Amino acid sequence: MAVLDGAIANVALPTIAADLGASPATSVWIVNAYQLTITILLLPLAALGDRLGYRRIYIPGLALFTLGSLGCALAHSLGGLIGARVFQGVGAACIMSMNAALVRATYPAKMLGRGIGYNALVLSMSAAAGPTLAALILSVGQWPWLFLINLPIGIAAIIVGVKALPYAKGHGHPFDWPAAALSGVMMGCTIFGAETFARESALAGSVLIAAGVGAGIWLVRREWGDPAPLFPVDLLKIRIFSMSIATSTVSFAAQMLAFVTLPFLFQSVMGRSAFATGLLMTPWPLALGVVAPIAGRLADRVRAGLIGGIGLAIFAVGLFALSQLGSHPGTFDIAWRMAVCGVGFGLFQSPNNRTIVGSAPRHRSGAAGGMLATARLLGQTTGAVAVGVAFHVAGVTVGPKLLAASAVAALIAAALSLLRLRSPRTQHRQEAGKTILD
């Protein structure tokens, strides 16, 4: 639901803005309010899950998300819709922050890669279905139905979750509210500042980014010696964990560079329609969905650094091939290149996520999942901001160069992934407190 909702809202934004009489610049807050809420709450909720238990955050999050969807559907003004999106974002943050921890609590260690792979399959197929589903709903109904479809799914998910989700007790330590506030300022100011820098004002954006960095430094200094900090500096001291987080951040920046660039390239440069663009974007998540479960199974037996390095190298090849398309390529020429990108990213994603989750001590699974989601968000924001700045300076014709830059970023991520092979497998286990053997 969370992935579908993000994709559907992005596609439907012009329709919603026209119906509510909102300007395009103002209507962007329908998306921004949702994403900023998730950004600010990810790490605090991950820490709260470690303290209270994962299902005690996840199931209420499902309920909040479902109620927020109803609120969005019933909204009659832009302000009401934005408020409902904030409420919905709280629920989505509960879901996303606990997702990886619940996968780990469900699967035994020797099958963790398989579970991560299945999870990646669901996410990629949801991303692929989002634009098509949005177009289908808008062709037969009004935009509120985009949110009403969440109600039966959400109710069913709550019922199944109550019966089936594993119980994992939290450590029960008091929650660090000042650290949560600093974390919110750090993430919110940094992400919003980057978007402001790219779209509105370089000065205001720089001030916000500086405030976010300052809050982050204060937070790290405050929590450096804490055995279970809200910002997981303890996990970042584990070499394999920090290297995997860095690999994830850079790879998602490369992915978002391409994801934001390609629709403009297809429509503005190649002259494809919006519907054709949606179809042309589909081979990437479809190929990822096919490969991710296979890569997850491999990750239970083969080092993630090796699989990830190979996958990201393939990803870089696909991105470079896309940058060489020219202005009048055939549909098949585009489709196979997109599929290569999906195959490469699918080979990387599941093993890398398995390493991030599995290398953390079991009682810190929530924090590990929160950092996994945060790394993805930071990488995607960096890529999107880079595209925004490039388009502002040089226009959409710079698209092929941006794709070449994303290929370079993918190669850097591949190198980071392969660097993880320098540590022996036994050291990985020791750094993680031997939790991989549990």
Protein backbone atom coordinates (compact mmCIF):
# COMPACT_ATOMS: atom_id res chain seq x y z
CA MET A 1 0.00 0.00 0.00
CA ALA A 2 2.72 2.49 0.91
CA VAL A 3 4.60 2.04 -2.37
CA LEU A 4 1.44 2.04 -4.47
CA ASP A 5 0.19 5.18 -2.73
CA GLY A 6 3.36 7.12 -3.43
CA ALA A 7 3.38 6.16 -7.11
CA ILE A 8 -0.34 6.80 -7.56
CA ALA A 9 -0.25 10.25 -5.92
CA ASN A 10 2.67 11.37 -8.09
CA VAL A 11 0.91 10.37 -11.30
CA ALA A 12 -2.42 11.93 -10.27
CA LEU A 13 -0.99 15.21 -8.97
CA PRO A 14 -2.03 17.37 -11.98
CA THR A 15 -5.59 15.97 -11.88
CA ILE A 16 -5.96 16.58 -8.13
CA ALA A 17 -4.53 20.10 -8.42
CA ALA A 18 -6.96 21.01 -11.20
CA ASP A 19 -9.97 19.66 -9.29
CA LEU A 20 -9.07 21.52 -6.08
CA GLY A 21 -8.12 24.73 -7.89
CA ALA A 22 -4.52 24.63 -6.65
CA SER A 23 -1.44 25.89 -8.45
CA PRO A 24 1.18 23.32 -9.53
CA ALA A 25 3.74 24.78 -7.09
CA THR A 26 1.33 24.53 -4.16
CA SER A 27 -0.02 21.13 -5.10
CA VAL A 28 3.48 19.64 -4.81
CA TRP A 29 2.86 19.69 -1.05
CA ILE A 30 0.41 16.82 -1.54
CA VAL A 31 3.52 14.72 -2.20
CA ASN A 32 6.01 16.63 -0.04
CA ALA A 33 3.88 16.49 3.13
CA TYR A 34 3.70 12.70 2.88
CA GLN A 35 7.40 12.21 2.18
CA LEU A 36 8.62 14.72 4.77
CA THR A 37 6.49 13.12 7.47
CA ILE A 38 8.01 9.73 6.67
CA THR A 39 11.51 11.22 6.61
CA ILE A 40 11.19 12.88 9.99
CA LEU A 41 9.68 9.84 11.75
CA LEU A 42 11.65 6.90 10.32
CA LEU A 43 14.50 6.76 12.82
CA PRO A 44 12.45 7.68 15.95
CA LEU A 45 9.86 5.01 15.11
CA ALA A 46 12.59 2.45 14.41
CA ALA A 47 14.02 3.12 17.88
CA LEU A 48 10.54 2.96 19.42
CA GLY A 49 9.98 -0.42 17.76
CA ASP A 50 13.16 -1.78 19.34
CA ARG A 51 11.83 -0.61 22.70
CA LEU A 52 8.17 -1.69 22.46
CA GLY A 53 8.19 -4.52 19.92
CA TYR A 54 7.80 -4.32 16.16
CA ARG A 55 4.16 -5.33 15.71
CA ARG A 56 3.11 -2.75 18.32
CA ILE A 57 4.30 -0.07 15.89
CA TYR A 58 3.44 -1.81 12.61
CA ILE A 59 -0.22 -2.71 13.21
CA PRO A 60 -1.23 0.74 14.56
CA GLY A 61 0.66 2.13 11.56
CA LEU A 62 -1.54 0.11 9.23
CA ALA A 63 -4.61 1.50 10.98
CA LEU A 64 -3.34 5.10 10.78
CA PHE A 65 -2.48 4.67 7.10
CA THR A 66 -5.94 3.29 6.34
CA LEU A 67 -7.70 6.09 8.25
CA GLY A 68 -5.46 8.64 6.55
CA SER A 69 -6.47 7.20 3.17
CA LEU A 70 -10.12 7.72 4.09
CA GLY A 71 -9.32 11.29 5.13
CA CYS A 72 -7.62 11.94 1.78
CA ALA A 73 -10.64 10.62 -0.12
CA LEU A 74 -13.04 12.83 1.89
CA ALA A 75 -10.93 16.00 1.64
CA HIS A 76 -12.60 18.91 -0.17
CA SER A 77 -9.75 21.42 -0.02
CA LEU A 78 -6.00 21.44 -0.58
CA GLY A 79 -5.35 22.13 3.10
CA GLY A 80 -7.54 19.23 4.17
CA LEU A 81 -5.84 16.88 1.73
CA ILE A 82 -2.37 17.93 2.86
CA GLY A 83 -3.38 17.39 6.51
CA ALA A 84 -4.71 13.93 5.68
CA ARG A 85 -1.48 13.14 3.82
CA VAL A 86 0.52 14.04 6.94
CA PHE A 87 -1.67 11.68 8.97
CA GLN A 88 -1.24 9.02 6.31
CA GLY A 89 2.52 9.62 6.33
CA VAL A 90 2.68 8.82 10.06
CA GLY A 91 1.16 5.42 9.31
CA ALA A 92 3.46 4.87 6.34
CA ALA A 93 6.49 5.67 8.51
CA CYS A 94 5.34 3.05 11.04
CA ILE A 95 5.08 0.49 8.25
CA MET A 96 8.39 1.31 6.56
CA SER A 97 10.44 1.56 9.75
CA MET A 98 9.32 -1.89 10.97
CA ASN A 99 9.25 -3.74 7.65
CA ALA A 100 12.79 -5.13 7.59
CA ALA A 101 12.76 -5.96 11.31
CA LEU A 102 9.57 -8.01 10.90
CA VAL A 103 11.07 -9.88 7.95
CA ARG A 104 14.04 -10.77 10.14
CA ALA A 105 11.75 -11.82 12.98
CA THR A 106 9.83 -14.07 10.58
CA TYR A 107 12.62 -15.92 8.74
CA PRO A 108 15.42 -18.00 10.27
CA ALA A 109 18.91 -16.61 9.63
CA LYS A 110 19.73 -19.17 6.92
CA MET A 111 16.62 -18.05 4.95
CA LEU A 112 16.81 -14.31 5.63
CA GLY A 113 17.99 -13.53 2.10
CA ARG A 114 14.98 -15.37 0.70
CA GLY A 115 12.63 -13.31 2.85
CA ILE A 116 14.30 -10.05 1.82
CA GLY A 117 14.03 -11.17 -1.81
CA TYR A 118 10.31 -11.85 -1.54
CA ASN A 119 9.86 -8.45 0.08
CA ALA A 120 11.76 -6.77 -2.77
CA LEU A 121 9.52 -8.63 -5.24
CA VAL A 122 6.37 -7.18 -3.66
CA LEU A 123 7.83 -3.67 -3.58
CA SER A 124 9.04 -3.72 -7.19
CA MET A 125 5.75 -5.11 -8.52
CA SER A 126 3.87 -2.46 -6.56
CA ALA A 127 6.08 0.25 -8.08
CA ALA A 128 5.46 -1.19 -11.55
CA ALA A 129 1.70 -1.32 -11.03
CA GLY A 130 1.35 2.18 -9.55
CA PRO A 131 1.30 4.36 -12.71
CA THR A 132 -0.88 1.89 -14.64
CA LEU A 133 -3.34 1.54 -11.75
CA ALA A 134 -3.56 5.30 -11.36
CA ALA A 135 -4.30 5.77 -15.05
CA LEU A 136 -6.94 3.03 -14.93
CA ILE A 137 -8.73 4.48 -11.89
CA LEU A 138 -8.70 8.02 -13.28
CA SER A 139 -10.12 6.77 -16.57
CA VAL A 140 -13.27 5.44 -14.86
CA GLY A 141 -13.60 7.49 -11.67
CA GLN A 142 -12.63 10.58 -9.69
CA TRP A 143 -9.32 11.03 -7.87
CA PRO A 144 -10.72 10.20 -4.36
CA TRP A 145 -10.95 6.58 -5.53
CA LEU A 146 -7.15 6.55 -5.67
CA PHE A 147 -7.21 6.61 -1.86
CA LEU A 148 -10.43 4.66 -1.28
CA ILE A 149 -8.86 1.51 -2.76
CA ASN A 150 -6.60 1.42 0.31
CA LEU A 151 -9.54 0.80 2.67
CA PRO A 152 -10.31 -2.87 1.90
CA ILE A 153 -6.61 -3.66 1.50
CA GLY A 154 -5.77 -1.93 4.78
CA ILE A 155 -8.53 -3.67 6.72
CA ALA A 156 -7.45 -7.06 5.34
CA ALA A 157 -3.81 -6.32 6.19
CA ILE A 158 -4.73 -5.42 9.78
CA ILE A 159 -6.72 -8.64 10.23
CA VAL A 160 -3.93 -10.80 8.80
CA GLY A 161 -1.28 -8.86 10.72
CA VAL A 162 -2.99 -9.33 14.08
CA LYS A 163 -3.15 -13.08 13.49
CA ALA A 164 0.16 -13.72 11.72
CA LEU A 165 2.85 -11.15 12.52
CA PRO A 166 5.56 -12.48 14.86
CA TYR A 167 5.87 -11.29 18.43
CA ALA A 168 9.24 -9.75 19.23
CA LYS A 169 9.61 -8.20 22.67
CA GLY A 170 11.32 -4.83 22.97
CA HIS A 171 14.03 -4.02 25.47
CA GLY A 172 11.73 -1.61 27.32
CA HIS A 173 14.25 1.20 27.88
CA PRO A 174 12.88 4.75 28.18
CA PHE A 175 12.41 6.59 24.91
CA ASP A 176 14.83 9.47 24.23
CA TRP A 177 12.52 12.32 23.22
CA PRO A 178 15.27 15.00 22.81
CA ALA A 179 17.14 12.65 20.46
CA ALA A 180 13.93 12.07 18.49
CA ALA A 181 13.48 15.84 18.13
CA LEU A 182 17.08 16.28 16.95
CA SER A 183 16.65 13.41 14.50
CA GLY A 184 13.49 14.99 13.10
CA VAL A 185 15.24 18.36 12.65
CA MET A 186 18.25 16.66 11.07
CA MET A 187 16.28 14.65 8.50
CA GLY A 188 13.51 17.18 7.86
CA CYS A 189 15.79 20.19 7.38
CA THR A 190 18.28 18.24 5.26
CA ILE A 191 15.69 16.72 2.90
CA PHE A 192 13.48 19.81 2.66
CA GLY A 193 16.54 22.03 2.36
CA ALA A 194 17.84 19.98 -0.56
CA GLU A 195 14.49 20.24 -2.36
CA THR A 196 14.30 23.98 -1.61
CA PHE A 197 17.84 24.44 -2.93
CA ALA A 198 16.96 22.71 -6.19
CA ARG A 199 13.50 24.16 -6.85
CA GLU A 200 13.17 27.53 -5.12
CA SER A 201 16.03 29.31 -3.34
CA ALA A 202 19.68 28.32 -3.07
CA LEU A 203 20.13 30.56 -0.01
CA ALA A 204 17.12 29.25 1.92
CA GLY A 205 18.01 25.70 0.98
CA SER A 206 21.58 26.15 2.18
CA VAL A 207 20.38 27.53 5.52
CA LEU A 208 18.05 24.56 6.03
CA ILE A 209 20.75 22.06 5.08
CA ALA A 210 23.19 23.74 7.50
CA ALA A 211 20.57 23.51 10.27
CA GLY A 212 20.07 19.82 9.50
CA VAL A 213 23.79 19.12 9.56
CA GLY A 214 24.16 21.02 12.84
CA ALA A 215 21.34 19.02 14.43
CA GLY A 216 22.95 15.81 13.16
CA ILE A 217 26.33 16.67 14.70
CA TRP A 218 24.65 17.50 18.01
CA LEU A 219 22.70 14.23 17.87
CA VAL A 220 25.79 12.09 17.19
CA ARG A 221 27.81 13.78 19.97
CA ARG A 222 24.91 13.32 22.38
CA GLU A 223 24.44 9.62 21.60
CA TRP A 224 28.00 8.47 20.96
CA GLY A 225 28.30 6.34 24.09
CA ASP A 226 24.68 5.16 24.28
CA PRO A 227 24.39 1.35 23.98
CA ALA A 228 21.10 1.67 22.04
CA PRO A 229 21.10 5.14 20.46
CA LEU A 230 18.19 6.49 18.42
CA PHE A 231 20.58 7.44 15.63
CA PRO A 232 22.38 4.09 15.29
CA VAL A 233 26.00 5.16 15.69
CA ASP A 234 26.62 1.78 17.34
CA LEU A 235 25.63 -0.01 14.13
CA LEU A 236 27.64 2.37 11.95
CA LYS A 237 30.73 1.26 13.87
CA ILE A 238 30.20 -2.22 12.37
CA ARG A 239 32.25 -2.04 9.18
CA ILE A 240 30.10 -4.31 7.04
CA PHE A 241 26.97 -2.42 8.12
CA SER A 242 28.36 1.05 7.38
CA MET A 243 29.81 -0.08 4.04
CA SER A 244 26.45 -1.56 3.04
CA ILE A 245 24.63 1.63 4.03
CA ALA A 246 27.07 3.68 1.94
CA THR A 247 26.60 1.31 -1.01
CA SER A 248 22.82 1.59 -0.68
CA THR A 249 22.87 5.40 -0.55
CA VAL A 250 25.04 5.78 -3.66
CA SER A 251 23.14 3.13 -5.64
CA PHE A 252 19.75 4.68 -4.90
CA ALA A 253 21.14 8.09 -5.92
CA ALA A 254 22.12 6.51 -9.26
CA GLN A 255 18.68 4.91 -9.56
CA MET A 256 16.81 8.15 -8.89
CA LEU A 257 19.04 10.11 -11.28
CA ALA A 258 17.75 7.80 -13.98
CA PHE A 259 14.14 7.51 -12.76
CA VAL A 260 13.61 11.29 -12.75
CA THR A 261 15.53 11.89 -15.99
CA LEU A 262 13.96 9.18 -18.16
CA PRO A 263 10.32 10.40 -18.26
CA PHE A 264 11.46 13.86 -19.39
CA LEU A 265 13.82 12.28 -21.93
CA PHE A 266 11.10 10.02 -23.33
CA GLN A 267 8.46 12.76 -23.60
CA SER A 268 10.34 16.01 -24.24
CA VAL A 269 13.24 14.72 -26.35
CA MET A 270 11.93 11.52 -27.95
CA GLY A 271 8.34 12.68 -28.35
CA ARG A 272 6.62 9.73 -26.61
CA SER A 273 3.22 10.15 -24.99
CA ALA A 274 2.66 10.00 -21.23
CA PHE A 275 1.00 6.59 -21.59
CA ALA A 276 3.88 5.26 -23.71
CA THR A 277 6.34 6.63 -21.17
CA GLY A 278 4.61 4.67 -18.41
CA LEU A 279 4.89 1.48 -20.44
CA LEU A 280 8.54 2.16 -21.27
CA MET A 281 9.34 2.57 -17.57
CA THR A 282 7.78 -0.80 -16.73
CA PRO A 283 10.54 -3.27 -17.84
CA TRP A 284 12.86 -1.95 -15.11
CA PRO A 285 10.70 -2.84 -12.03
CA LEU A 286 9.43 -6.01 -13.73
CA ALA A 287 12.96 -7.31 -14.30
CA LEU A 288 13.89 -6.30 -10.75
CA GLY A 289 10.90 -8.24 -9.42
CA VAL A 290 11.95 -11.39 -11.28
CA VAL A 291 15.59 -11.22 -10.20
CA ALA A 292 15.22 -10.03 -6.57
CA PRO A 293 13.95 -13.36 -5.11
CA ILE A 294 16.69 -15.26 -6.96
CA ALA A 295 19.32 -12.85 -5.64
CA GLY A 296 17.85 -13.21 -2.15
CA ARG A 297 18.31 -16.98 -2.25
CA LEU A 298 21.88 -16.55 -3.52
CA ALA A 299 22.59 -14.15 -0.66
CA ASP A 300 22.01 -16.97 1.83
CA ARG A 301 25.05 -18.77 0.33
CA VAL A 302 27.23 -16.22 -1.53
CA ARG A 303 28.85 -13.05 -0.19
CA ALA A 304 26.64 -9.98 -0.70
CA GLY A 305 29.66 -7.87 -1.64
CA LEU A 306 30.31 -10.07 -4.67
CA ILE A 307 26.67 -10.38 -5.83
CA GLY A 308 26.10 -6.68 -5.25
CA GLY A 309 29.27 -5.68 -7.08
CA ILE A 310 28.31 -7.77 -10.13
CA GLY A 311 24.73 -6.49 -10.06
CA LEU A 312 25.77 -2.84 -9.82
CA ALA A 313 28.26 -3.31 -12.66
CA ILE A 314 25.41 -4.68 -14.82
CA PHE A 315 23.28 -1.75 -13.63
CA ALA A 316 26.00 0.67 -14.78
CA VAL A 317 26.15 -1.01 -18.21
CA GLY A 318 22.38 -0.62 -18.61
CA LEU A 319 22.50 3.04 -17.59
CA PHE A 320 25.34 3.80 -19.97
CA ALA A 321 23.47 2.02 -22.79
CA LEU A 322 20.43 4.23 -22.06
CA SER A 323 22.62 7.33 -22.29
CA GLN A 324 23.59 6.31 -25.85
CA LEU A 325 20.05 5.91 -27.20
CA GLY A 326 19.91 9.03 -29.34
CA SER A 327 16.77 11.04 -30.11
CA HIS A 328 14.77 8.45 -32.13
CA PRO A 329 15.27 4.97 -30.64
CA GLY A 330 12.92 2.04 -31.21
CA THR A 331 10.73 0.70 -28.42
CA PHE A 332 12.69 -2.55 -28.18
CA ASP A 333 15.99 -0.62 -27.97
CA ILE A 334 14.65 1.18 -24.91
CA ALA A 335 12.96 -1.83 -23.32
CA TRP A 336 15.96 -4.16 -23.23
CA ARG A 337 18.18 -1.45 -21.75
CA MET A 338 15.59 -0.78 -19.04
CA ALA A 339 15.40 -4.50 -18.32
CA VAL A 340 19.20 -4.69 -17.96
CA CYS A 341 19.03 -1.91 -15.37
CA GLY A 342 16.33 -3.81 -13.48
CA VAL A 343 18.31 -7.05 -13.53
CA GLY A 344 21.44 -5.34 -12.22
CA PHE A 345 19.64 -3.45 -9.46
CA GLY A 346 17.70 -6.57 -8.50
CA LEU A 347 20.93 -8.55 -8.08
CA PHE A 348 22.22 -5.85 -5.76
CA GLN A 349 19.19 -4.90 -3.67
CA SER A 350 18.18 -8.12 -1.91
CA PRO A 351 21.72 -9.23 -0.87
CA ASN A 352 22.58 -5.72 0.32
CA ASN A 353 19.39 -5.40 2.36
CA ARG A 354 20.03 -8.84 3.85
CA THR A 355 23.50 -7.73 4.94
CA ILE A 356 22.22 -4.52 6.52
CA VAL A 357 19.52 -6.31 8.50
CA GLY A 358 21.52 -9.44 9.31
CA SER A 359 24.72 -7.70 10.43
CA ALA A 360 22.97 -5.84 13.25
CA PRO A 361 22.42 -7.44 16.66
CA ARG A 362 18.95 -8.96 16.78
CA HIS A 363 17.69 -6.53 19.43
CA ARG A 364 18.68 -3.66 17.10
CA SER A 365 16.77 -4.94 14.06
CA GLY A 366 14.39 -2.00 14.15
CA ALA A 367 17.25 0.49 14.05
CA ALA A 368 18.84 -1.43 11.18
CA GLY A 369 15.58 -1.34 9.22
CA GLY A 370 15.21 2.36 9.92
CA MET A 371 18.71 3.04 8.60
CA LEU A 372 18.01 0.91 5.53
CA ALA A 373 14.95 3.03 4.71
CA THR A 374 16.82 6.25 5.55
CA ALA A 375 19.73 5.36 3.24
CA ARG A 376 17.27 4.70 0.42
CA LEU A 377 15.51 8.02 1.04
CA LEU A 378 18.75 10.03 1.24
CA GLY A 379 20.04 8.47 -1.96
CA GLN A 380 16.78 9.08 -3.83
CA THR A 381 16.63 12.69 -2.64
CA THR A 382 20.23 13.31 -3.69
CA GLY A 383 19.54 11.93 -7.15
CA ALA A 384 16.32 13.92 -7.58
CA VAL A 385 17.97 17.16 -6.43
CA ALA A 386 20.87 16.63 -8.83
CA VAL A 387 18.43 16.25 -11.72
CA GLY A 388 16.51 19.35 -10.64
CA VAL A 389 19.67 21.45 -10.55
CA ALA A 390 20.85 20.11 -13.92
CA PHE A 391 17.49 20.77 -15.59
CA HIS A 392 17.43 24.30 -14.13
CA VAL A 393 20.90 25.06 -15.49
CA ALA A 394 20.91 23.22 -18.83
CA GLY A 395 17.34 22.08 -19.60
CA VAL A 396 15.98 18.59 -20.34
CA THR A 397 18.41 18.05 -23.22
CA VAL A 398 21.06 17.30 -20.59
CA GLY A 399 19.27 13.97 -19.97
CA PRO A 400 21.82 11.69 -21.70
CA LYS A 401 24.64 13.25 -19.69
CA LEU A 402 22.70 12.69 -16.47
CA LEU A 403 22.25 9.02 -17.41
CA ALA A 404 26.00 8.76 -18.01
CA ALA A 405 26.57 10.37 -14.58
CA SER A 406 24.22 7.82 -13.01
CA ALA A 407 26.28 5.05 -14.64
CA VAL A 408 29.40 6.49 -12.99
CA ALA A 409 27.58 6.59 -9.63
CA ALA A 410 26.57 2.93 -10.10
CA LEU A 411 30.23 2.01 -10.74
CA ILE A 412 31.23 3.82 -7.53
CA ALA A 413 28.56 1.84 -5.67
CA ALA A 414 29.90 -1.38 -7.27
CA ALA A 415 33.38 -0.55 -6.00
CA LEU A 416 32.00 0.09 -2.50
CA SER A 417 30.20 -3.25 -2.62
CA LEU A 418 33.33 -5.14 -3.68
CA LEU A 419 35.35 -3.47 -0.88
CA ARG A 420 33.23 -5.47 1.56
CA LEU A 421 35.04 -8.60 0.36
CA ARG A 422 38.23 -7.42 2.06
CA SER A 423 36.81 -8.50 5.41
CA PRO A 424 36.67 -12.29 5.92
CA ARG A 425 33.23 -13.85 6.41
CA THR A 426 34.06 -14.70 10.04
CA GLN A 427 34.85 -11.08 10.76
CA HIS A 428 31.44 -10.09 9.45
CA ARG A 429 29.90 -12.38 12.02
CA GLN A 430 32.11 -11.13 14.84
CA GLU A 431 31.34 -7.50 14.04
CA ALA A 432 27.64 -8.29 14.21
CA GLY A 433 27.90 -9.97 17.58
CA LYS A 434 27.59 -13.36 15.85
CA THR A 435 23.94 -12.64 15.13
CA ILE A 436 24.22 -14.11 11.63
CA LEU A 437 24.75 -17.48 13.31
CA ASP A 438 21.70 -17.13 15.60
